[in-house]
């Protein structure tokens, strides 16, 4: 059993997440001549780019994640990543995500499992005629938006939301695909018009698929425990198979058992060596960067507590008077520490990024931490095109 300090595991997590300098991450830190390729390199590292509708801070989470890693990234460009012909598709990671197209065959068992929708149950069985009608319309009319399937028509099930829910269910089972998003609204189409044939026809045994998803999870996290690995690709129903996959990878020498502050986990032999090198490294060359609430290093709140000693809870559903930090709060990373958080509100009409509040993790922050927060806000304002 290997052991790492919390600091070692934290630095390794930041390296695997693309939040240290390229020498440590193996990923680009600037957009360069090809921002699309730079963005795809980061997405491939995790296997997902989580989506969320909220844009109150001037950008949505998927663009914020990329802007925090790629200097010079324009968050407006992040909205355009899913387009026909691009090597991405949309599906469930731990949440709705854009994912590398090569993962599509690995998730065939997930599409089978979603015959009963995780939120709405057996909608496909209850409304088979609705499913047939939606598929007929898409086949005949071409790509259709979510709102084309319901609301205000005066035609029964279209009005009670069944149409929109059915489209989502058909997507979850793989009978529809999301071709692109326009103004963040899903555009549905038939899979054969979205997913390349050679990808659609590839068959991967379920045991192999889960093993590769587990391997990819460690690639994005560095050190991780079982719970984090299970949650990365929504494998809670396949927990025993995840345990078996970890055992297979351990037997093959691809994973090493490792404890961090008494917590059991694993990492790759290469990452164990990387953690040792990072122990002597300066963690970041810049002076601060803002992270999305749904950043790959932040969505697992328990892991954040373990590695960063940082408590985070999104407060968008908390009444304003009861919020502690704000509506949509972005943590500030400086070096290998989360030093504070800021609540931002962007106005495209005014061209202004308003800082509603800023909070530090210590009662009396030093000049370096204050400068890091200011620098992080300036970098973010440039990325979202506001002042």
Protein backbone atom coordinates (compact mmCIF):
# COMPACT_ATOMS: atom_id res chain seq x y z
CA UNK A 1 0.00 0.00 0.00
CA UNK A 2 1.48 3.33 -1.12
CA UNK A 3 0.74 6.56 0.74
CA UNK A 4 0.52 10.19 -0.32
CA UNK A 5 0.09 13.30 1.75
CA UNK A 6 -3.00 15.40 1.14
CA UNK A 7 -0.78 18.04 -0.44
CA UNK A 8 0.71 15.45 -2.81
CA UNK A 9 -2.73 14.21 -3.86
CA UNK A 10 -4.00 17.77 -4.28
CA UNK A 11 -1.13 18.75 -6.57
CA UNK A 12 -1.56 15.56 -8.55
CA UNK A 13 -5.28 16.29 -8.97
CA UNK A 14 -4.48 19.76 -10.29
CA UNK A 15 -1.90 18.35 -12.70
CA UNK A 16 -4.29 15.76 -14.09
CA UNK A 17 -7.00 18.42 -14.29
CA UNK A 18 -4.87 20.65 -16.50
CA UNK A 19 -4.50 23.35 -13.83
CA UNK A 20 -0.72 23.39 -13.55
CA UNK A 21 1.88 24.36 -16.13
CA UNK A 22 2.10 22.20 -19.29
CA UNK A 23 5.33 20.51 -18.12
CA UNK A 24 3.25 18.83 -15.41
CA UNK A 25 -0.11 18.44 -17.14
CA UNK A 26 0.87 17.42 -20.66
CA UNK A 27 -1.90 19.74 -21.84
CA UNK A 28 -1.89 23.16 -23.53
CA UNK A 29 -2.22 26.23 -21.29
CA UNK A 30 -2.98 28.68 -24.13
CA UNK A 31 -5.42 28.54 -27.02
CA UNK A 32 -2.61 28.85 -29.57
CA UNK A 33 -3.42 28.73 -33.26
CA UNK A 34 -6.11 26.07 -32.91
CA UNK A 35 -8.44 26.74 -29.94
CA UNK A 36 -10.69 23.85 -30.93
CA UNK A 37 -7.83 21.34 -30.72
CA UNK A 38 -6.73 22.82 -27.39
CA UNK A 39 -10.26 22.48 -26.00
CA UNK A 40 -10.58 18.90 -27.24
CA UNK A 41 -7.28 17.95 -25.60
CA UNK A 42 -8.66 18.95 -22.20
CA UNK A 43 -11.99 17.22 -22.78
CA UNK A 44 -10.23 13.99 -23.74
CA UNK A 45 -8.27 14.05 -20.49
CA UNK A 46 -11.48 13.81 -18.41
CA UNK A 47 -13.76 12.14 -20.94
CA UNK A 48 -16.45 14.77 -20.33
CA UNK A 49 -17.23 18.48 -20.19
CA UNK A 50 -20.17 19.00 -17.86
CA UNK A 51 -23.01 21.24 -19.04
CA UNK A 52 -25.29 23.57 -17.11
CA UNK A 53 -27.80 26.20 -18.20
CA UNK A 54 -26.81 29.02 -15.82
CA UNK A 55 -24.99 31.92 -17.48
CA UNK A 56 -25.46 34.65 -14.88
CA UNK A 57 -21.69 35.11 -14.49
CA UNK A 58 -21.31 35.86 -18.19
CA UNK A 59 -20.63 32.28 -19.35
CA UNK A 60 -21.86 28.75 -18.76
CA UNK A 61 -19.83 26.15 -16.92
CA UNK A 62 -18.44 24.32 -19.97
CA UNK A 63 -16.89 27.56 -21.24
CA UNK A 64 -15.66 28.56 -17.77
CA UNK A 65 -13.86 25.22 -17.36
CA UNK A 66 -11.99 25.71 -20.61
CA UNK A 67 -11.24 29.39 -19.94
CA UNK A 68 -9.70 28.48 -16.58
CA UNK A 69 -7.22 26.23 -18.34
CA UNK A 70 -6.59 27.98 -21.64
CA UNK A 71 -5.25 31.53 -21.53
CA UNK A 72 -6.87 33.61 -24.26
CA UNK A 73 -9.94 31.37 -24.52
CA UNK A 74 -13.11 33.16 -25.65
CA UNK A 75 -16.05 31.73 -23.72
CA UNK A 76 -18.39 32.48 -26.65
CA UNK A 77 -16.42 29.89 -28.61
CA UNK A 78 -17.20 27.30 -25.95
CA UNK A 79 -20.88 27.44 -26.93
CA UNK A 80 -20.02 26.27 -30.45
CA UNK A 81 -18.04 23.12 -29.66
CA UNK A 82 -20.88 20.68 -30.36
CA UNK A 83 -21.49 20.92 -34.10
CA UNK A 84 -22.08 18.34 -36.85
CA UNK A 85 -18.80 16.70 -37.77
CA UNK A 86 -17.05 17.57 -34.51
CA UNK A 87 -15.50 14.65 -32.55
CA UNK A 88 -17.93 15.16 -29.64
CA UNK A 89 -21.37 13.88 -28.66
CA UNK A 90 -23.70 14.74 -25.82
CA UNK A 91 -24.68 12.18 -23.22
CA UNK A 92 -24.71 11.50 -19.48
CA UNK A 93 -21.33 11.57 -17.77
CA UNK A 94 -21.90 12.16 -14.08
CA UNK A 95 -24.26 14.83 -15.47
CA UNK A 96 -25.19 15.89 -19.01
CA UNK A 97 -21.86 16.38 -20.78
CA UNK A 98 -20.11 16.76 -24.10
CA UNK A 99 -17.87 13.74 -24.52
CA UNK A 100 -15.24 12.49 -27.00
CA UNK A 101 -16.97 10.60 -29.81
CA UNK A 102 -14.82 7.50 -29.22
CA UNK A 103 -16.63 6.94 -25.90
CA UNK A 104 -19.98 6.39 -27.61
CA UNK A 105 -19.54 2.59 -27.94
CA UNK A 106 -18.42 2.32 -24.30
CA UNK A 107 -21.77 3.68 -23.12
CA UNK A 108 -24.01 1.20 -24.94
CA UNK A 109 -24.84 -0.53 -21.64
CA UNK A 110 -25.85 2.85 -20.16
CA UNK A 111 -28.23 3.42 -23.06
CA UNK A 112 -29.73 -0.02 -22.42
CA UNK A 113 -30.05 0.73 -18.70
CA UNK A 114 -31.94 3.94 -19.47
CA UNK A 115 -34.97 2.16 -20.87
CA UNK A 116 -36.60 3.47 -17.68
CA UNK A 117 -35.71 7.14 -17.40
CA UNK A 118 -33.89 7.95 -14.11
CA UNK A 119 -36.32 10.84 -13.41
CA UNK A 120 -39.58 9.93 -15.14
CA UNK A 121 -39.63 6.15 -15.10
CA UNK A 122 -41.10 3.92 -17.86
CA UNK A 123 -42.25 6.76 -20.14
CA UNK A 124 -41.39 4.75 -23.26
CA UNK A 125 -43.70 1.91 -22.18
CA UNK A 126 -46.49 4.23 -21.08
CA UNK A 127 -46.59 6.33 -24.27
CA UNK A 128 -45.37 4.17 -27.18
CA UNK A 129 -47.43 6.13 -29.71
CA UNK A 130 -45.74 9.36 -28.63
CA UNK A 131 -42.32 7.80 -29.17
CA UNK A 132 -43.31 6.63 -32.65
CA UNK A 133 -44.68 10.06 -33.56
CA UNK A 134 -41.55 11.89 -32.44
CA UNK A 135 -39.28 9.51 -34.32
CA UNK A 136 -41.50 9.85 -37.41
CA UNK A 137 -41.33 13.64 -37.24
CA UNK A 138 -37.56 13.74 -36.87
CA UNK A 139 -37.12 11.24 -39.69
CA UNK A 140 -39.39 13.26 -42.00
CA UNK A 141 -38.76 16.87 -40.91
CA UNK A 142 -35.10 16.64 -39.94
CA UNK A 143 -33.48 18.03 -36.75
CA UNK A 144 -35.99 19.44 -34.25
CA UNK A 145 -35.64 21.55 -31.12
CA UNK A 146 -36.80 20.56 -27.65
CA UNK A 147 -39.64 23.10 -27.79
CA UNK A 148 -40.92 21.57 -31.04
CA UNK A 149 -42.16 18.65 -28.94
CA UNK A 150 -44.59 20.41 -26.67
CA UNK A 151 -46.29 23.41 -25.17
CA UNK A 152 -49.10 25.60 -26.42
CA UNK A 153 -50.40 23.39 -29.19
CA UNK A 154 -53.73 22.40 -27.70
CA UNK A 155 -53.10 18.80 -28.71
CA UNK A 156 -53.22 16.65 -25.59
CA UNK A 157 -49.90 15.19 -24.61
CA UNK A 158 -47.96 17.95 -26.39
CA UNK A 159 -49.25 20.39 -23.77
CA UNK A 160 -48.48 18.42 -20.61
CA UNK A 161 -44.77 18.05 -21.31
CA UNK A 162 -44.83 14.41 -22.40
CA UNK A 163 -43.37 15.32 -25.79
CA UNK A 164 -40.28 17.00 -24.33
CA UNK A 165 -39.84 14.22 -21.79
CA UNK A 166 -40.19 11.57 -24.47
CA UNK A 167 -37.53 13.24 -26.62
CA UNK A 168 -35.18 13.18 -23.63
CA UNK A 169 -36.00 9.51 -23.00
CA UNK A 170 -35.36 8.60 -26.63
CA UNK A 171 -32.02 10.38 -26.39
CA UNK A 172 -31.13 8.58 -23.15
CA UNK A 173 -31.76 5.21 -24.81
CA UNK A 174 -29.89 6.14 -27.98
CA UNK A 175 -32.85 6.27 -30.36
CA UNK A 176 -32.30 9.99 -30.78
CA UNK A 177 -29.04 11.95 -30.62
CA UNK A 178 -28.30 15.61 -29.94
CA UNK A 179 -26.97 17.11 -33.14
CA UNK A 180 -25.99 20.47 -31.66
CA UNK A 181 -27.18 23.22 -29.33
CA UNK A 182 -28.42 26.62 -30.43
CA UNK A 183 -28.70 29.21 -27.70
CA UNK A 184 -28.10 26.19 -25.48
CA UNK A 185 -31.29 24.48 -26.66
CA UNK A 186 -30.96 20.85 -27.71
CA UNK A 187 -31.41 20.00 -31.41
CA UNK A 188 -32.46 16.35 -31.76
CA UNK A 189 -31.78 14.16 -34.79
CA UNK A 190 -31.52 10.49 -35.68
CA UNK A 191 -28.30 8.82 -34.47
CA UNK A 192 -27.35 7.75 -37.99
CA UNK A 193 -27.26 11.42 -38.98
CA UNK A 194 -25.12 12.42 -35.99
CA UNK A 195 -22.83 9.56 -34.90
CA UNK A 196 -20.39 8.28 -37.56
CA UNK A 197 -21.24 4.78 -38.80
CA UNK A 198 -17.93 3.25 -37.77
CA UNK A 199 -18.52 4.52 -34.22
CA UNK A 200 -22.17 3.40 -34.07
CA UNK A 201 -21.35 -0.12 -35.24
CA UNK A 202 -18.45 -0.71 -32.89
CA UNK A 203 -19.31 -3.24 -30.18
CA UNK A 204 -17.46 -3.33 -26.86
CA UNK A 205 -18.12 -6.06 -24.25
CA UNK A 206 -19.61 -4.55 -21.11
CA UNK A 207 -16.75 -5.66 -18.87
CA UNK A 208 -14.23 -4.04 -21.21
CA UNK A 209 -16.32 -0.88 -21.46
CA UNK A 210 -16.53 -0.42 -17.70
CA UNK A 211 -12.82 -1.10 -17.32
CA UNK A 212 -12.01 1.61 -19.88
CA UNK A 213 -14.36 4.10 -18.22
CA UNK A 214 -12.66 3.39 -14.89
CA UNK A 215 -9.25 3.87 -16.48
CA UNK A 216 -10.38 7.18 -17.96
CA UNK A 217 -11.75 8.32 -14.60
CA UNK A 218 -8.33 7.90 -13.01
CA UNK A 219 -6.77 9.77 -15.92
CA UNK A 220 -8.80 12.85 -15.03
CA UNK A 221 -8.58 12.58 -11.25
CA UNK A 222 -5.11 11.27 -10.47
CA UNK A 223 -5.62 9.68 -7.06
CA UNK A 224 -9.24 8.73 -6.29
CA UNK A 225 -11.32 6.53 -4.06
CA UNK A 226 -14.07 4.14 -5.09
CA UNK A 227 -16.94 6.58 -4.59
CA UNK A 228 -15.40 9.18 -6.91
CA UNK A 229 -14.72 6.60 -9.61
CA UNK A 230 -18.24 5.18 -9.38
CA UNK A 231 -19.78 8.66 -9.65
CA UNK A 232 -17.67 9.92 -12.55
CA UNK A 233 -19.70 8.07 -15.19
CA UNK A 234 -22.85 7.33 -13.14
CA UNK A 235 -21.94 3.73 -12.39
CA UNK A 236 -23.65 3.40 -9.01
CA UNK A 237 -25.80 0.55 -10.36
CA UNK A 238 -22.61 -1.15 -11.53
CA UNK A 239 -20.59 -0.73 -8.35
CA UNK A 240 -19.55 -4.40 -8.14
CA UNK A 241 -18.41 -4.26 -11.77
CA UNK A 242 -16.38 -1.14 -11.03
CA UNK A 243 -14.70 -2.96 -8.14
CA UNK A 244 -13.91 -5.84 -10.48
CA UNK A 245 -12.54 -3.43 -13.10
CA UNK A 246 -10.27 -1.81 -10.52
CA UNK A 247 -9.10 -5.29 -9.53
CA UNK A 248 -8.37 -6.13 -13.18
CA UNK A 249 -6.36 -2.93 -13.61
CA UNK A 250 -4.51 -3.53 -10.35
CA UNK A 251 -3.63 -7.10 -11.36
CA UNK A 252 -2.33 -5.84 -14.69
CA UNK A 253 -0.12 -3.31 -12.91
CA UNK A 254 -2.09 -0.35 -14.28
CA UNK A 255 -3.30 0.81 -10.84
CA UNK A 256 -1.59 0.96 -7.45
CA UNK A 257 -3.44 0.98 -4.08
CA UNK A 258 -2.70 4.20 -2.23
CA UNK A 259 -3.92 5.90 0.95
CA UNK A 260 -4.31 9.64 1.42
CA UNK A 261 -4.78 10.72 5.03
CA UNK A 262 -6.18 7.28 5.86
CA UNK A 263 -8.59 7.22 2.90
CA UNK A 264 -8.26 4.25 0.55
CA UNK A 265 -7.83 4.82 -3.17
CA UNK A 266 -5.74 4.09 -6.21
CA UNK A 267 -3.65 5.81 -8.84
CA UNK A 268 -1.53 4.80 -11.81
CA UNK A 269 2.19 4.03 -11.37
CA UNK A 270 2.97 7.00 -13.65
CA UNK A 271 0.90 9.32 -11.46
CA UNK A 272 2.65 8.01 -8.35
CA UNK A 273 5.94 9.12 -9.93
CA UNK A 274 4.40 12.43 -11.02
CA UNK A 275 3.20 13.09 -7.46
CA UNK A 276 6.77 12.61 -6.20
CA UNK A 277 8.10 15.12 -8.75
CA UNK A 278 5.35 17.63 -7.96
CA UNK A 279 6.35 17.53 -4.30
CA UNK A 280 9.34 19.71 -5.16
CA UNK A 281 7.65 21.87 -7.81
CA UNK A 282 6.23 25.36 -7.82
CA UNK A 283 2.53 24.62 -8.37
CA UNK A 284 1.40 27.39 -10.75
CA UNK A 285 3.07 30.08 -12.85
CA UNK A 286 0.08 32.45 -12.71
CA UNK A 287 -1.46 34.53 -9.94
CA UNK A 288 -4.96 33.12 -9.68
CA UNK A 289 -7.80 31.68 -11.75
CA UNK A 290 -11.54 31.31 -11.24
CA UNK A 291 -13.09 27.85 -11.37
CA UNK A 292 -16.61 26.85 -12.32
CA UNK A 293 -18.75 25.37 -9.52
CA UNK A 294 -18.93 22.27 -11.74
CA UNK A 295 -15.23 22.07 -12.58
CA UNK A 296 -13.85 18.51 -12.75
CA UNK A 297 -11.87 19.13 -9.56
CA UNK A 298 -14.92 20.55 -7.74
CA UNK A 299 -18.08 18.59 -8.57
CA UNK A 300 -17.22 15.85 -6.04
CA UNK A 301 -17.71 17.98 -2.91
CA UNK A 302 -16.40 15.31 -0.50
CA UNK A 303 -13.20 15.01 -2.50
CA UNK A 304 -12.84 18.81 -2.41
CA UNK A 305 -13.06 18.73 1.38
CA UNK A 306 -10.42 15.99 1.53
CA UNK A 307 -7.93 17.55 -0.87
CA UNK A 308 -8.46 21.29 -0.37
CA UNK A 309 -10.10 21.57 3.05
CA UNK A 310 -12.69 23.67 1.22
CA UNK A 311 -16.44 23.59 1.85
CA UNK A 312 -18.52 24.41 -1.20
CA UNK A 313 -22.27 24.42 -1.69
CA UNK A 314 -24.00 26.08 -4.60
CA UNK A 315 -26.69 28.44 -3.32
CA UNK A 316 -28.82 29.14 -6.39
CA UNK A 317 -31.80 27.42 -4.75
CA UNK A 318 -31.22 29.09 -1.39
CA UNK A 319 -33.37 32.19 -0.64
CA UNK A 320 -31.25 35.33 -1.09
CA UNK A 321 -31.47 36.30 2.59
CA UNK A 322 -30.07 32.93 3.65
CA UNK A 323 -27.15 32.73 1.23
CA UNK A 324 -23.72 32.71 2.80
CA UNK A 325 -21.58 33.59 -0.22
CA UNK A 326 -23.90 34.39 -3.15
CA UNK A 327 -25.97 33.06 -6.04
CA UNK A 328 -23.37 31.64 -8.45
CA UNK A 329 -20.02 31.64 -6.68
CA UNK A 330 -16.74 30.81 -8.40
CA UNK A 331 -13.86 29.54 -6.21
CA UNK A 332 -10.43 31.12 -6.70
CA UNK A 333 -7.42 28.84 -7.22
CA UNK A 334 -3.97 30.29 -6.47
CA UNK A 335 -0.96 28.01 -6.42
CA UNK A 336 -2.33 24.71 -5.12
CA UNK A 337 -4.86 26.33 -2.76
CA UNK A 338 -8.45 27.46 -3.02
CA UNK A 339 -8.03 30.85 -1.39
CA UNK A 340 -11.46 32.43 -1.79
CA UNK A 341 -14.62 32.78 -3.83
CA UNK A 342 -16.37 35.50 -5.80
CA UNK A 343 -19.99 36.04 -6.80
CA UNK A 344 -20.23 37.58 -10.27
CA UNK A 345 -23.01 38.90 -12.48
CA UNK A 346 -22.47 39.64 -16.14
CA UNK A 347 -24.53 42.05 -18.23
CA UNK A 348 -24.14 41.72 -22.00
CA UNK A 349 -26.33 44.77 -22.57
CA UNK A 350 -24.07 46.99 -20.46
CA UNK A 351 -20.85 45.13 -21.26
CA UNK A 352 -20.08 44.93 -17.55
CA UNK A 353 -18.99 42.17 -15.17
CA UNK A 354 -20.19 43.07 -11.69
CA UNK A 355 -18.41 41.68 -8.63
CA UNK A 356 -21.27 41.16 -6.19
CA UNK A 357 -19.04 39.88 -3.42
CA UNK A 358 -15.65 38.37 -2.70
CA UNK A 359 -14.70 36.23 0.26
CA UNK A 360 -11.35 34.88 1.43
CA UNK A 361 -10.79 31.60 3.25
CA UNK A 362 -8.72 33.29 5.94
CA UNK A 363 -9.81 36.21 8.09
CA UNK A 364 -6.81 38.38 7.20
CA UNK A 365 -5.65 37.55 3.65
CA UNK A 366 -2.19 38.68 2.64
CA UNK A 367 -1.31 40.93 -0.26
CA UNK A 368 -0.46 37.93 -2.47
CA UNK A 369 -3.91 36.38 -2.03
CA UNK A 370 -5.65 39.69 -2.68
CA UNK A 371 -3.60 40.17 -5.82
CA UNK A 372 -4.43 36.62 -6.94
CA UNK A 373 -8.16 37.26 -6.64
CA UNK A 374 -7.90 40.53 -8.57
CA UNK A 375 -5.83 38.83 -11.26
CA UNK A 376 -8.29 35.94 -11.53
CA UNK A 377 -11.22 38.34 -11.98
CA UNK A 378 -9.36 40.30 -14.69
CA UNK A 379 -8.50 37.12 -16.58
CA UNK A 380 -12.09 35.92 -16.35
CA UNK A 381 -13.50 39.29 -17.49
CA UNK A 382 -11.29 39.13 -20.57
CA UNK A 383 -12.48 35.59 -21.36
CA UNK A 384 -16.17 36.53 -21.14
CA UNK A 385 -15.64 39.82 -23.00
CA UNK A 386 -16.86 42.11 -20.21
CA UNK A 387 -15.20 44.86 -18.22
